[in-house]
Amino acid sequence: MVRMTASPGRRVLLAAPRGYCAGVDRAVIAVEKALEQYGAPIYVRHEIVHNKYVVQTLEKKGAIFVERTAEVPEGAIVMFSAHGVAPVVHEEAAAGKLATIDATCPLVTKVHKEAVRFANEDFDILLIGHEGHEEVIGTSGEAPDHITLVDGPEDVAKVEVRDPSKVVWLSQTTLSVDETMETVDALKEKFPQLISPPSDDICYATQNRQLAVKKLAEDAELVIVVGSKNSSNSIRMVEVALDAGAPAAHLVDFAAEIDEAWLEGVTTVGLTSGASVPDVLVEGVLEWLAERGYGDVETVKTAEESITFSLPKELRRDLRAEAAALVAERTGTAPSAE
């Protein structure tokens, strides 16, 4: 528990919901369960989620994070991160005789399936997202000949399609809702027959956290978002806070990164966290603020979240044995009984 001390007039508005979404919770638990079930090491292709603390914690337990499938030894277990991977990565894993666990967020998987369906119907797919983001790379890999990346409204002018009557937009799940719709509006102006996906691609958690940060921005002179610099949804929350009128907003991984100068003249601090952030880091910021007189904490609730996802089905199998069998098949030797 955080011990609160308060100075008159100083307060913290604490967003709810904040922190872990269902997809992140599932992915992190999947790594922990795999380590518990199969023992270390468990290889994870790319960071399981974009949070420095989470990655460091799992590394201490025996997870090894790699950027390329080729870095995983033959016969090992590799997990795919919550951001999803392209089909070629599954092919690489099969070629490397690797047992795989797919921890892709189900909401990202939904976008992948939409990309495949529209590509099969020969649509041009305009994928709204940020170049180089793992989720964008994975989705684009589902139908590279049909997908064009649109990285914001400024990209719209250069977009070309084969048939303006067969064009659809999809999006990265962690974008700003407002930014995405601005891009969609610009695309619709250029392509009036543009089709929208059957359901919103931007995930419920991203939308809920952005709605909450907008509410904080109404009253807070300073908004602190706990999250890592490579977390798209956390970065967007800082932008949303500023766009909603907050005089200042900053992204920090840990309380130690907060600059005391940010508090000058501030009576109300808004506090929230990205969808890949465990609440222990928020507790650390609350403690840091309480030590400086911001001990009055008021929760600002804007949505209820009850969604949960089941763990990857691969955790119900003996993957060590499967990996050994794959190697034995290639070498022509019997798998070890150990």
C-alpha atoms as a PDB file:
ATOM      1  CA  MET A   1       0.000   0.000   0.000  1.00  0.00           C
ATOM      2  CA  VAL A   2       1.100   3.559  -0.736  1.00  0.00           C
ATOM      3  CA  ARG A   3       1.289   5.788   2.316  1.00  0.00           C
ATOM      4  CA  MET A   4      -0.307   9.079   1.298  1.00  0.00           C
ATOM      5  CA  THR A   5       0.706  12.506   2.507  1.00  0.00           C
ATOM      6  CA  ALA A   6      -1.091  15.534   1.198  1.00  0.00           C
ATOM      7  CA  SER A   7      -0.511  19.245   0.889  1.00  0.00           C
ATOM      8  CA  PRO A   8      -3.573  21.504   0.723  1.00  0.00           C
ATOM      9  CA  GLY A   9      -4.885  21.802  -2.823  1.00  0.00           C
ATOM     10  CA  ARG A  10      -2.560  19.202  -4.333  1.00  0.00           C
ATOM     11  CA  ARG A  11      -4.126  16.067  -5.775  1.00  0.00           C
ATOM     12  CA  VAL A  12      -3.713  13.212  -8.221  1.00  0.00           C
ATOM     13  CA  LEU A  13      -6.419  12.144 -10.672  1.00  0.00           C
ATOM     14  CA  LEU A  14      -5.855   8.441 -11.280  1.00  0.00           C
ATOM     15  CA  ALA A  15      -7.318   7.042 -14.513  1.00  0.00           C
ATOM     16  CA  ALA A  16      -9.435   3.910 -14.615  1.00  0.00           C
ATOM     17  CA  PRO A  17      -9.098   1.864 -16.696  1.00  0.00           C
ATOM     18  CA  ARG A  18      -5.322   1.926 -17.122  1.00  0.00           C
ATOM     19  CA  GLY A  19      -2.479  -0.542 -17.473  1.00  0.00           C
ATOM     20  CA  TYR A  20      -2.695  -4.140 -18.645  1.00  0.00           C
ATOM     21  CA  CYS A  21      -5.254  -4.987 -21.291  1.00  0.00           C
ATOM     22  CA  ALA A  22      -6.517  -8.542 -21.815  1.00  0.00           C
ATOM     23  CA  GLY A  23      -4.110  -9.229 -24.692  1.00  0.00           C
ATOM     24  CA  VAL A  24      -1.052  -8.120 -22.727  1.00  0.00           C
ATOM     25  CA  ASP A  25      -2.138 -10.005 -19.613  1.00  0.00           C
ATOM     26  CA  ARG A  26      -2.549 -13.155 -21.721  1.00  0.00           C
ATOM     27  CA  ALA A  27       0.865 -12.761 -23.373  1.00  0.00           C
ATOM     28  CA  VAL A  28       2.781 -12.147 -20.141  1.00  0.00           C
ATOM     29  CA  ILE A  29       1.064 -15.044 -18.352  1.00  0.00           C
ATOM     30  CA  ALA A  30       1.802 -17.232 -21.387  1.00  0.00           C
ATOM     31  CA  VAL A  31       5.558 -16.628 -21.005  1.00  0.00           C
ATOM     32  CA  GLU A  32       5.396 -17.307 -17.259  1.00  0.00           C
ATOM     33  CA  LYS A  33       3.364 -20.508 -17.782  1.00  0.00           C
ATOM     34  CA  ALA A  34       5.723 -21.713 -20.517  1.00  0.00           C
ATOM     35  CA  LEU A  35       8.738 -21.213 -18.239  1.00  0.00           C
ATOM     36  CA  GLU A  36       6.940 -22.997 -15.411  1.00  0.00           C
ATOM     37  CA  GLN A  37       5.744 -25.851 -17.648  1.00  0.00           C
ATOM     38  CA  TYR A  38       8.762 -26.439 -19.881  1.00  0.00           C
ATOM     39  CA  GLY A  39      11.604 -24.801 -17.977  1.00  0.00           C
ATOM     40  CA  ALA A  40      14.099 -22.211 -19.195  1.00  0.00           C
ATOM     41  CA  PRO A  41      15.002 -21.090 -21.690  1.00  0.00           C
ATOM     42  CA  ILE A  42      11.893 -20.022 -23.573  1.00  0.00           C
ATOM     43  CA  TYR A  43      12.772 -17.897 -26.590  1.00  0.00           C
ATOM     44  CA  VAL A  44      10.497 -14.985 -27.443  1.00  0.00           C
ATOM     45  CA  ARG A  45      10.619 -13.410 -30.879  1.00  0.00           C
ATOM     46  CA  HIS A  46      10.695  -9.682 -30.224  1.00  0.00           C
ATOM     47  CA  GLU A  47       9.611  -8.183 -26.885  1.00  0.00           C
ATOM     48  CA  ILE A  48       6.506 -10.017 -25.699  1.00  0.00           C
ATOM     49  CA  VAL A  49       4.977  -6.585 -24.988  1.00  0.00           C
ATOM     50  CA  HIS A  50       6.489  -3.124 -25.254  1.00  0.00           C
ATOM     51  CA  ASN A  51       7.463  -2.523 -21.648  1.00  0.00           C
ATOM     52  CA  LYS A  52      11.003  -2.382 -20.300  1.00  0.00           C
ATOM     53  CA  TYR A  53      10.119  -3.587 -16.780  1.00  0.00           C
ATOM     54  CA  VAL A  54       8.086  -6.563 -18.026  1.00  0.00           C
ATOM     55  CA  VAL A  55      10.845  -7.673 -20.404  1.00  0.00           C
ATOM     56  CA  GLN A  56      13.546  -7.369 -17.735  1.00  0.00           C
ATOM     57  CA  THR A  57      11.408  -9.306 -15.229  1.00  0.00           C
ATOM     58  CA  LEU A  58      10.804 -12.159 -17.667  1.00  0.00           C
ATOM     59  CA  GLU A  59      14.490 -12.258 -18.640  1.00  0.00           C
ATOM     60  CA  LYS A  60      15.358 -12.869 -14.981  1.00  0.00           C
ATOM     61  CA  LYS A  61      12.978 -15.847 -15.010  1.00  0.00           C
ATOM     62  CA  GLY A  62      14.622 -17.397 -18.061  1.00  0.00           C
ATOM     63  CA  ALA A  63      13.029 -15.848 -21.149  1.00  0.00           C
ATOM     64  CA  ILE A  64      15.415 -14.969 -23.977  1.00  0.00           C
ATOM     65  CA  PHE A  65      14.242 -12.241 -26.350  1.00  0.00           C
ATOM     66  CA  VAL A  66      15.460 -12.340 -29.945  1.00  0.00           C
ATOM     67  CA  GLU A  67      14.752 -10.207 -32.997  1.00  0.00           C
ATOM     68  CA  ARG A  68      15.107 -12.930 -35.628  1.00  0.00           C
ATOM     69  CA  THR A  69      13.850 -16.498 -35.784  1.00  0.00           C
ATOM     70  CA  ALA A  70      17.318 -17.579 -36.950  1.00  0.00           C
ATOM     71  CA  GLU A  71      18.675 -16.687 -33.490  1.00  0.00           C
ATOM     72  CA  VAL A  72      16.666 -19.519 -31.893  1.00  0.00           C
ATOM     73  CA  PRO A  73      18.545 -22.849 -31.629  1.00  0.00           C
ATOM     74  CA  GLU A  74      17.118 -25.824 -33.490  1.00  0.00           C
ATOM     75  CA  GLY A  75      14.705 -27.827 -31.371  1.00  0.00           C
ATOM     76  CA  ALA A  76      13.929 -24.977 -28.967  1.00  0.00           C
ATOM     77  CA  ILE A  77      10.594 -23.407 -28.052  1.00  0.00           C
ATOM     78  CA  VAL A  78       9.861 -19.951 -29.443  1.00  0.00           C
ATOM     79  CA  MET A  79       6.938 -17.708 -28.556  1.00  0.00           C
ATOM     80  CA  PHE A  80       5.537 -15.048 -30.873  1.00  0.00           C
ATOM     81  CA  SER A  81       4.768 -11.721 -29.188  1.00  0.00           C
ATOM     82  CA  ALA A  82       1.383 -10.079 -28.646  1.00  0.00           C
ATOM     83  CA  HIS A  83       1.986  -7.875 -31.721  1.00  0.00           C
ATOM     84  CA  GLY A  84       1.720 -10.797 -34.132  1.00  0.00           C
ATOM     85  CA  VAL A  85       4.004 -12.010 -36.915  1.00  0.00           C
ATOM     86  CA  ALA A  86       3.798 -12.462 -40.677  1.00  0.00           C
ATOM     87  CA  PRO A  87       3.220 -15.935 -42.176  1.00  0.00           C
ATOM     88  CA  VAL A  88       6.872 -16.056 -43.262  1.00  0.00           C
ATOM     89  CA  VAL A  89       7.892 -16.148 -39.582  1.00  0.00           C
ATOM     90  CA  HIS A  90       5.828 -19.299 -39.035  1.00  0.00           C
ATOM     91  CA  GLU A  91       7.559 -20.771 -42.088  1.00  0.00           C
ATOM     92  CA  GLU A  92      10.974 -19.851 -40.648  1.00  0.00           C
ATOM     93  CA  ALA A  93      10.087 -21.546 -37.360  1.00  0.00           C
ATOM     94  CA  ALA A  94       8.991 -24.720 -39.160  1.00  0.00           C
ATOM     95  CA  ALA A  95      12.197 -24.734 -41.216  1.00  0.00           C
ATOM     96  CA  GLY A  96      14.228 -24.335 -38.023  1.00  0.00           C
ATOM     97  CA  LYS A  97      12.451 -27.300 -36.371  1.00  0.00           C
ATOM     98  CA  LEU A  98      11.118 -25.058 -33.607  1.00  0.00           C
ATOM     99  CA  ALA A  99       8.120 -25.674 -31.382  1.00  0.00           C
ATOM    100  CA  THR A 100       6.021 -22.496 -31.347  1.00  0.00           C
ATOM    101  CA  ILE A 101       3.623 -20.739 -28.994  1.00  0.00           C
ATOM    102  CA  ASP A 102       1.557 -17.989 -30.601  1.00  0.00           C
ATOM    103  CA  ALA A 103       0.777 -15.257 -28.057  1.00  0.00           C
ATOM    104  CA  THR A 104      -0.602 -12.835 -30.661  1.00  0.00           C
ATOM    105  CA  CYS A 105      -3.392 -10.719 -29.185  1.00  0.00           C
ATOM    106  CA  PRO A 106      -6.728 -12.043 -30.514  1.00  0.00           C
ATOM    107  CA  LEU A 107      -7.658  -8.511 -31.580  1.00  0.00           C
ATOM    108  CA  VAL A 108      -4.522  -8.337 -33.733  1.00  0.00           C
ATOM    109  CA  THR A 109      -5.343 -11.777 -35.132  1.00  0.00           C
ATOM    110  CA  LYS A 110      -8.742 -10.387 -36.135  1.00  0.00           C
ATOM    111  CA  VAL A 111      -7.037  -7.702 -38.259  1.00  0.00           C
ATOM    112  CA  HIS A 112      -4.791 -10.364 -39.839  1.00  0.00           C
ATOM    113  CA  LYS A 113      -7.860 -12.402 -40.808  1.00  0.00           C
ATOM    114  CA  GLU A 114      -9.547  -9.318 -42.252  1.00  0.00           C
ATOM    115  CA  ALA A 115      -6.436  -8.637 -44.366  1.00  0.00           C
ATOM    116  CA  VAL A 116      -6.450 -12.203 -45.702  1.00  0.00           C
ATOM    117  CA  ARG A 117     -10.182 -12.121 -46.482  1.00  0.00           C
ATOM    118  CA  PHE A 118     -10.076  -8.812 -48.343  1.00  0.00           C
ATOM    119  CA  ALA A 119      -6.947  -9.854 -50.225  1.00  0.00           C
ATOM    120  CA  ASN A 120      -8.683 -13.068 -51.306  1.00  0.00           C
ATOM    121  CA  GLU A 121     -11.511 -10.887 -52.644  1.00  0.00           C
ATOM    122  CA  ASP A 122      -8.864  -8.877 -54.549  1.00  0.00           C
ATOM    123  CA  PHE A 123      -9.343  -5.604 -52.641  1.00  0.00           C
ATOM    124  CA  ASP A 124      -6.641  -2.987 -52.284  1.00  0.00           C
ATOM    125  CA  ILE A 125      -6.101  -2.708 -48.518  1.00  0.00           C
ATOM    126  CA  LEU A 126      -5.018   0.608 -47.027  1.00  0.00           C
ATOM    127  CA  LEU A 127      -3.409  -0.194 -43.667  1.00  0.00           C
ATOM    128  CA  ILE A 128      -3.329   2.824 -41.362  1.00  0.00           C
ATOM    129  CA  GLY A 129      -0.350   2.503 -39.044  1.00  0.00           C
ATOM    130  CA  HIS A 130       3.225   3.446 -38.276  1.00  0.00           C
ATOM    131  CA  GLU A 131       6.005   2.172 -40.493  1.00  0.00           C
ATOM    132  CA  GLY A 132       8.319  -0.287 -38.749  1.00  0.00           C
ATOM    133  CA  HIS A 133       5.930  -1.180 -35.926  1.00  0.00           C
ATOM    134  CA  GLU A 134       5.873  -4.951 -35.341  1.00  0.00           C
ATOM    135  CA  GLU A 135       2.105  -5.139 -35.629  1.00  0.00           C
ATOM    136  CA  VAL A 136       2.168  -3.362 -39.002  1.00  0.00           C
ATOM    137  CA  ILE A 137       4.957  -5.652 -40.253  1.00  0.00           C
ATOM    138  CA  GLY A 138       2.962  -8.725 -39.218  1.00  0.00           C
ATOM    139  CA  THR A 139      -0.318  -7.564 -40.775  1.00  0.00           C
ATOM    140  CA  SER A 140       1.374  -6.425 -44.000  1.00  0.00           C
ATOM    141  CA  GLY A 141       3.003  -9.826 -44.311  1.00  0.00           C
ATOM    142  CA  GLU A 142      -0.414 -11.500 -44.613  1.00  0.00           C
ATOM    143  CA  ALA A 143      -1.025  -9.945 -48.044  1.00  0.00           C
ATOM    144  CA  PRO A 144       1.978  -7.864 -49.145  1.00  0.00           C
ATOM    145  CA  ASP A 145       0.768  -7.529 -52.738  1.00  0.00           C
ATOM    146  CA  HIS A 146      -2.548  -6.033 -51.647  1.00  0.00           C
ATOM    147  CA  ILE A 147      -1.569  -3.829 -48.691  1.00  0.00           C
ATOM    148  CA  THR A 148      -0.410  -0.207 -48.819  1.00  0.00           C
ATOM    149  CA  LEU A 149       0.710   1.437 -45.580  1.00  0.00           C
ATOM    150  CA  VAL A 150      -0.799   4.859 -44.836  1.00  0.00           C
ATOM    151  CA  ASP A 151       1.179   6.516 -42.042  1.00  0.00           C
ATOM    152  CA  GLY A 152      -1.148   9.418 -41.269  1.00  0.00           C
ATOM    153  CA  PRO A 153      -3.221  11.936 -43.284  1.00  0.00           C
ATOM    154  CA  GLU A 154      -0.121  13.383 -44.930  1.00  0.00           C
ATOM    155  CA  ASP A 155       0.415  10.045 -46.736  1.00  0.00           C
ATOM    156  CA  VAL A 156      -3.000  10.049 -48.414  1.00  0.00           C
ATOM    157  CA  ALA A 157      -2.042  12.206 -51.422  1.00  0.00           C
ATOM    158  CA  LYS A 158       0.452   9.640 -52.703  1.00  0.00           C
ATOM    159  CA  VAL A 159      -1.811   6.585 -52.286  1.00  0.00           C
ATOM    160  CA  GLU A 160      -2.741   4.859 -55.536  1.00  0.00           C
ATOM    161  CA  VAL A 161      -5.170   1.944 -55.976  1.00  0.00           C
ATOM    162  CA  ARG A 162      -6.062  -0.307 -58.915  1.00  0.00           C
ATOM    163  CA  ASP A 163      -9.839   0.050 -58.607  1.00  0.00           C
ATOM    164  CA  PRO A 164     -11.401   2.821 -56.428  1.00  0.00           C
ATOM    165  CA  SER A 165     -14.544   0.697 -56.080  1.00  0.00           C
ATOM    166  CA  LYS A 166     -12.608  -2.143 -54.396  1.00  0.00           C
ATOM    167  CA  VAL A 167     -10.641  -0.505 -51.606  1.00  0.00           C
ATOM    168  CA  VAL A 168     -10.879  -1.041 -47.834  1.00  0.00           C
ATOM    169  CA  TRP A 169      -9.065   0.416 -44.831  1.00  0.00           C
ATOM    170  CA  LEU A 170      -7.708  -1.481 -41.825  1.00  0.00           C
ATOM    171  CA  SER A 171      -5.632  -0.127 -38.962  1.00  0.00           C
ATOM    172  CA  GLN A 172      -2.999  -0.883 -36.368  1.00  0.00           C
ATOM    173  CA  THR A 173      -4.837  -1.590 -33.100  1.00  0.00           C
ATOM    174  CA  THR A 174      -2.840   0.803 -30.889  1.00  0.00           C
ATOM    175  CA  LEU A 175      -3.339   4.097 -32.728  1.00  0.00           C
ATOM    176  CA  SER A 176      -5.067   7.233 -31.541  1.00  0.00           C
ATOM    177  CA  VAL A 177      -8.754   6.993 -32.434  1.00  0.00           C
ATOM    178  CA  ASP A 178      -8.852  10.667 -33.462  1.00  0.00           C
ATOM    179  CA  GLU A 179      -5.702  10.402 -35.589  1.00  0.00           C
ATOM    180  CA  THR A 180      -7.013   7.291 -37.324  1.00  0.00           C
ATOM    181  CA  MET A 181     -10.364   8.844 -38.165  1.00  0.00           C
ATOM    182  CA  GLU A 182      -8.613  11.936 -39.525  1.00  0.00           C
ATOM    183  CA  THR A 183      -6.720   9.634 -41.900  1.00  0.00           C
ATOM    184  CA  VAL A 184      -9.905   7.738 -42.775  1.00  0.00           C
ATOM    185  CA  ASP A 185     -11.715  11.005 -43.586  1.00  0.00           C
ATOM    186  CA  ALA A 186      -8.869  12.043 -45.887  1.00  0.00           C
ATOM    187  CA  LEU A 187      -8.956   8.619 -47.590  1.00  0.00           C
ATOM    188  CA  LYS A 188     -12.742   8.807 -48.057  1.00  0.00           C
ATOM    189  CA  GLU A 189     -12.380  12.198 -49.667  1.00  0.00           C
ATOM    190  CA  LYS A 190      -9.954  10.697 -52.194  1.00  0.00           C
ATOM    191  CA  PHE A 191     -11.763   7.340 -52.514  1.00  0.00           C
ATOM    192  CA  PRO A 192     -15.521   7.922 -51.919  1.00  0.00           C
ATOM    193  CA  GLN A 193     -16.282   4.191 -52.217  1.00  0.00           C
ATOM    194  CA  LEU A 194     -13.780   3.262 -49.487  1.00  0.00           C
ATOM    195  CA  ILE A 195     -15.099   0.390 -47.362  1.00  0.00           C
ATOM    196  CA  SER A 196     -14.650   0.297 -43.585  1.00  0.00           C
ATOM    197  CA  PRO A 197     -13.739  -2.933 -41.780  1.00  0.00           C
ATOM    198  CA  PRO A 198     -16.673  -4.923 -40.356  1.00  0.00           C
ATOM    199  CA  SER A 199     -15.682  -3.881 -36.808  1.00  0.00           C
ATOM    200  CA  ASP A 200     -13.354  -1.293 -35.298  1.00  0.00           C
ATOM    201  CA  ASP A 201      -9.724  -2.334 -35.566  1.00  0.00           C
ATOM    202  CA  ILE A 202      -8.532  -0.036 -32.773  1.00  0.00           C
ATOM    203  CA  CYS A 203      -8.800  -2.212 -29.687  1.00  0.00           C
ATOM    204  CA  TYR A 204     -11.229  -1.572 -26.853  1.00  0.00           C
ATOM    205  CA  ALA A 205      -8.390  -1.023 -24.366  1.00  0.00           C
ATOM    206  CA  THR A 206      -6.679   1.596 -26.509  1.00  0.00           C
ATOM    207  CA  GLN A 207      -9.963   3.470 -26.904  1.00  0.00           C
ATOM    208  CA  ASN A 208     -10.806   3.224 -23.194  1.00  0.00           C
ATOM    209  CA  ARG A 209      -7.382   4.492 -22.103  1.00  0.00           C
ATOM    210  CA  GLN A 210      -7.541   7.388 -24.522  1.00  0.00           C
ATOM    211  CA  LEU A 211     -11.028   8.308 -23.306  1.00  0.00           C
ATOM    212  CA  ALA A 212      -9.751   8.270 -19.710  1.00  0.00           C
ATOM    213  CA  VAL A 213      -6.721  10.446 -20.506  1.00  0.00           C
ATOM    214  CA  LYS A 214      -8.995  12.990 -22.232  1.00  0.00           C
ATOM    215  CA  LYS A 215     -11.000  13.183 -19.003  1.00  0.00           C
ATOM    216  CA  LEU A 216      -7.813  13.731 -16.965  1.00  0.00           C
ATOM    217  CA  ALA A 217      -6.748  16.511 -19.325  1.00  0.00           C
ATOM    218  CA  GLU A 218      -9.875  18.509 -18.476  1.00  0.00           C
ATOM    219  CA  ASP A 219      -8.606  19.248 -14.943  1.00  0.00           C
ATOM    220  CA  ALA A 220      -4.914  18.333 -14.733  1.00  0.00           C
ATOM    221  CA  GLU A 221      -2.115  20.823 -15.371  1.00  0.00           C
ATOM    222  CA  LEU A 222       0.242  17.877 -15.806  1.00  0.00           C
ATOM    223  CA  VAL A 223      -0.486  14.386 -17.143  1.00  0.00           C
ATOM    224  CA  ILE A 224       1.998  11.593 -16.501  1.00  0.00           C
ATOM    225  CA  VAL A 225       1.692   8.468 -18.640  1.00  0.00           C
ATOM    226  CA  VAL A 226       3.627   5.450 -17.390  1.00  0.00           C
ATOM    227  CA  GLY A 227       4.910   3.463 -20.362  1.00  0.00           C
ATOM    228  CA  SER A 228       7.941   2.671 -22.483  1.00  0.00           C
ATOM    229  CA  LYS A 229       9.249   4.781 -25.344  1.00  0.00           C
ATOM    230  CA  ASN A 230       8.628   1.982 -27.861  1.00  0.00           C
ATOM    231  CA  SER A 231       5.007   1.517 -26.777  1.00  0.00           C
ATOM    232  CA  SER A 232       2.765   2.929 -29.497  1.00  0.00           C
ATOM    233  CA  ASN A 233      -0.356   3.096 -27.324  1.00  0.00           C
ATOM    234  CA  SER A 234       1.550   4.871 -24.509  1.00  0.00           C
ATOM    235  CA  ILE A 235       3.004   7.461 -26.896  1.00  0.00           C
ATOM    236  CA  ARG A 236      -0.469   8.070 -28.328  1.00  0.00           C
ATOM    237  CA  MET A 237      -1.836   8.709 -24.812  1.00  0.00           C
ATOM    238  CA  VAL A 238       0.633  11.562 -24.296  1.00  0.00           C
ATOM    239  CA  GLU A 239      -0.443  13.039 -27.641  1.00  0.00           C
ATOM    240  CA  VAL A 240      -4.124  12.618 -26.779  1.00  0.00           C
ATOM    241  CA  ALA A 241      -3.621  14.397 -23.432  1.00  0.00           C
ATOM    242  CA  LEU A 242      -1.962  17.377 -25.111  1.00  0.00           C
ATOM    243  CA  ASP A 243      -4.582  17.504 -27.875  1.00  0.00           C
ATOM    244  CA  ALA A 244      -7.314  17.426 -25.206  1.00  0.00           C
ATOM    245  CA  GLY A 245      -5.908  20.551 -23.559  1.00  0.00           C
ATOM    246  CA  ALA A 246      -3.464  19.372 -20.899  1.00  0.00           C
ATOM    247  CA  PRO A 247      -0.781  22.076 -20.506  1.00  0.00           C
ATOM    248  CA  ALA A 248       1.894  19.385 -20.166  1.00  0.00           C
ATOM    249  CA  ALA A 249       2.114  15.592 -20.584  1.00  0.00           C
ATOM    250  CA  HIS A 250       5.105  13.273 -20.251  1.00  0.00           C
ATOM    251  CA  LEU A 251       5.909   9.591 -20.748  1.00  0.00           C
ATOM    252  CA  VAL A 252       8.020   7.804 -18.117  1.00  0.00           C
ATOM    253  CA  ASP A 253       9.010   4.179 -17.536  1.00  0.00           C
ATOM    254  CA  PHE A 254       9.612   4.628 -13.813  1.00  0.00           C
ATOM    255  CA  ALA A 255       9.005   7.237 -11.104  1.00  0.00           C
ATOM    256  CA  ALA A 256      12.721   8.049 -11.081  1.00  0.00           C
ATOM    257  CA  GLU A 257      12.365   9.534 -14.578  1.00  0.00           C
ATOM    258  CA  ILE A 258       9.983  12.264 -13.413  1.00  0.00           C
ATOM    259  CA  ASP A 259      11.528  15.734 -13.391  1.00  0.00           C
ATOM    260  CA  GLU A 260      10.530  17.662 -10.266  1.00  0.00           C
ATOM    261  CA  ALA A 261      10.507  20.826 -12.378  1.00  0.00           C
ATOM    262  CA  TRP A 262       7.367  19.488 -14.070  1.00  0.00           C
ATOM    263  CA  LEU A 263       5.496  20.018 -10.775  1.00  0.00           C
ATOM    264  CA  GLU A 264       6.185  23.740 -10.572  1.00  0.00           C
ATOM    265  CA  GLY A 265       2.855  25.536 -10.195  1.00  0.00           C
ATOM    266  CA  VAL A 266       0.919  22.280 -10.583  1.00  0.00           C
ATOM    267  CA  THR A 267      -1.917  21.494  -8.179  1.00  0.00           C
ATOM    268  CA  THR A 268      -3.526  18.623 -10.104  1.00  0.00           C
ATOM    269  CA  VAL A 269      -1.583  15.752 -11.667  1.00  0.00           C
ATOM    270  CA  GLY A 270      -3.301  13.278 -13.961  1.00  0.00           C
ATOM    271  CA  LEU A 271      -1.824   9.778 -13.857  1.00  0.00           C
ATOM    272  CA  THR A 272      -2.414   6.832 -16.173  1.00  0.00           C
ATOM    273  CA  SER A 273      -0.490   4.011 -17.847  1.00  0.00           C
ATOM    274  CA  GLY A 274      -0.242   2.247 -21.181  1.00  0.00           C
ATOM    275  CA  ALA A 275      -1.815  -1.107 -21.957  1.00  0.00           C
ATOM    276  CA  SER A 276       1.452  -3.013 -21.397  1.00  0.00           C
ATOM    277  CA  VAL A 277       2.248  -1.522 -17.972  1.00  0.00           C
ATOM    278  CA  PRO A 278       1.894  -3.479 -14.690  1.00  0.00           C
ATOM    279  CA  ASP A 279       0.266  -1.500 -11.895  1.00  0.00           C
ATOM    280  CA  VAL A 280       3.328  -1.816  -9.655  1.00  0.00           C
ATOM    281  CA  LEU A 281       4.928   0.947 -11.750  1.00  0.00           C
ATOM    282  CA  VAL A 282       1.916   3.222 -11.232  1.00  0.00           C
ATOM    283  CA  GLU A 283       2.120   2.540  -7.490  1.00  0.00           C
ATOM    284  CA  GLY A 284       5.728   3.703  -7.631  1.00  0.00           C
ATOM    285  CA  VAL A 285       4.704   7.000  -9.213  1.00  0.00           C
ATOM    286  CA  LEU A 286       1.932   7.474  -6.637  1.00  0.00           C
ATOM    287  CA  GLU A 287       4.502   6.980  -3.883  1.00  0.00           C
ATOM    288  CA  TRP A 288       6.865   9.477  -5.514  1.00  0.00           C
ATOM    289  CA  LEU A 289       4.083  12.057  -5.822  1.00  0.00           C
ATOM    290  CA  ALA A 290       2.860  11.467  -2.259  1.00  0.00           C
ATOM    291  CA  GLU A 291       6.353  12.226  -0.950  1.00  0.00           C
ATOM    292  CA  ARG A 292       6.036  15.615  -2.654  1.00  0.00           C
ATOM    293  CA  GLY A 293       2.642  16.471  -1.205  1.00  0.00           C
ATOM    294  CA  TYR A 294       0.342  14.928  -3.794  1.00  0.00           C
ATOM    295  CA  GLY A 295      -1.234  12.428  -1.437  1.00  0.00           C
ATOM    296  CA  ASP A 296      -4.882  13.142  -2.237  1.00  0.00           C
ATOM    297  CA  VAL A 297      -5.758  10.557  -4.913  1.00  0.00           C
ATOM    298  CA  GLU A 298      -9.069  10.535  -6.749  1.00  0.00           C
ATOM    299  CA  THR A 299      -9.951   7.779  -9.220  1.00  0.00           C
ATOM    300  CA  VAL A 300     -11.491   8.957 -12.484  1.00  0.00           C
ATOM    301  CA  LYS A 301     -13.449   6.051 -13.955  1.00  0.00           C
ATOM    302  CA  THR A 302     -14.605   6.272 -17.567  1.00  0.00           C
ATOM    303  CA  ALA A 303     -15.228   2.633 -18.547  1.00  0.00           C
ATOM    304  CA  GLU A 304     -15.624  -0.910 -17.218  1.00  0.00           C
ATOM    305  CA  GLU A 305     -13.429  -3.690 -18.610  1.00  0.00           C
ATOM    306  CA  SER A 306     -14.275  -7.359 -18.169  1.00  0.00           C
ATOM    307  CA  ILE A 307     -12.766  -8.948 -21.295  1.00  0.00           C
ATOM    308  CA  THR A 308     -10.384 -11.876 -20.813  1.00  0.00           C
ATOM    309  CA  PHE A 309      -8.673 -14.155 -23.345  1.00  0.00           C
ATOM    310  CA  SER A 310      -7.816 -17.819 -22.907  1.00  0.00           C
ATOM    311  CA  LEU A 311      -4.145 -18.787 -22.964  1.00  0.00           C
ATOM    312  CA  PRO A 312      -2.554 -20.046 -26.212  1.00  0.00           C
ATOM    313  CA  LYS A 313      -3.635 -23.614 -26.955  1.00  0.00           C
ATOM    314  CA  GLU A 314       0.005 -24.686 -27.344  1.00  0.00           C
ATOM    315  CA  LEU A 315       0.425 -24.500 -23.560  1.00  0.00           C
ATOM    316  CA  ARG A 316      -1.759 -27.585 -23.322  1.00  0.00           C
ATOM    317  CA  ARG A 317       0.779 -29.735 -25.218  1.00  0.00           C
ATOM    318  CA  ASP A 318       4.242 -31.177 -24.535  1.00  0.00           C
ATOM    319  CA  LEU A 319       6.232 -28.784 -26.710  1.00  0.00           C
ATOM    320  CA  ARG A 320       9.651 -30.013 -25.576  1.00  0.00           C
ATOM    321  CA  ALA A 321       8.758 -33.469 -26.874  1.00  0.00           C
ATOM    322  CA  GLU A 322       7.385 -31.991 -30.109  1.00  0.00           C
ATOM    323  CA  ALA A 323      10.568 -30.005 -30.677  1.00  0.00           C
ATOM    324  CA  ALA A 324      12.732 -33.095 -30.058  1.00  0.00           C
ATOM    325  CA  ALA A 325      10.605 -35.071 -32.506  1.00  0.00           C
ATOM    326  CA  LEU A 326      11.046 -32.387 -35.173  1.00  0.00           C
ATOM    327  CA  VAL A 327      14.817 -32.524 -34.807  1.00  0.00           C
ATOM    328  CA  ALA A 328      14.804 -36.342 -34.790  1.00  0.00           C
ATOM    329  CA  GLU A 329      12.765 -36.339 -37.989  1.00  0.00           C
ATOM    330  CA  ARG A 330      15.397 -34.199 -39.692  1.00  0.00           C
ATOM    331  CA  THR A 331      18.420 -36.126 -38.360  1.00  0.00           C
ATOM    332  CA  GLY A 332      16.878 -39.587 -38.612  1.00  0.00           C
ATOM    333  CA  THR A 333      17.531 -40.320 -34.938  1.00  0.00           C
ATOM    334  CA  ALA A 334      15.077 -41.363 -32.240  1.00  0.00           C
ATOM    335  CA  PRO A 335      14.022 -38.556 -29.862  1.00  0.00           C
ATOM    336  CA  SER A 336      15.370 -38.692 -26.319  1.00  0.00           C
ATOM    337  CA  ALA A 337      13.065 -40.138 -23.679  1.00  0.00           C
ATOM    338  CA  GLU A 338      14.228 -37.535 -21.172  1.00  0.00           C
END
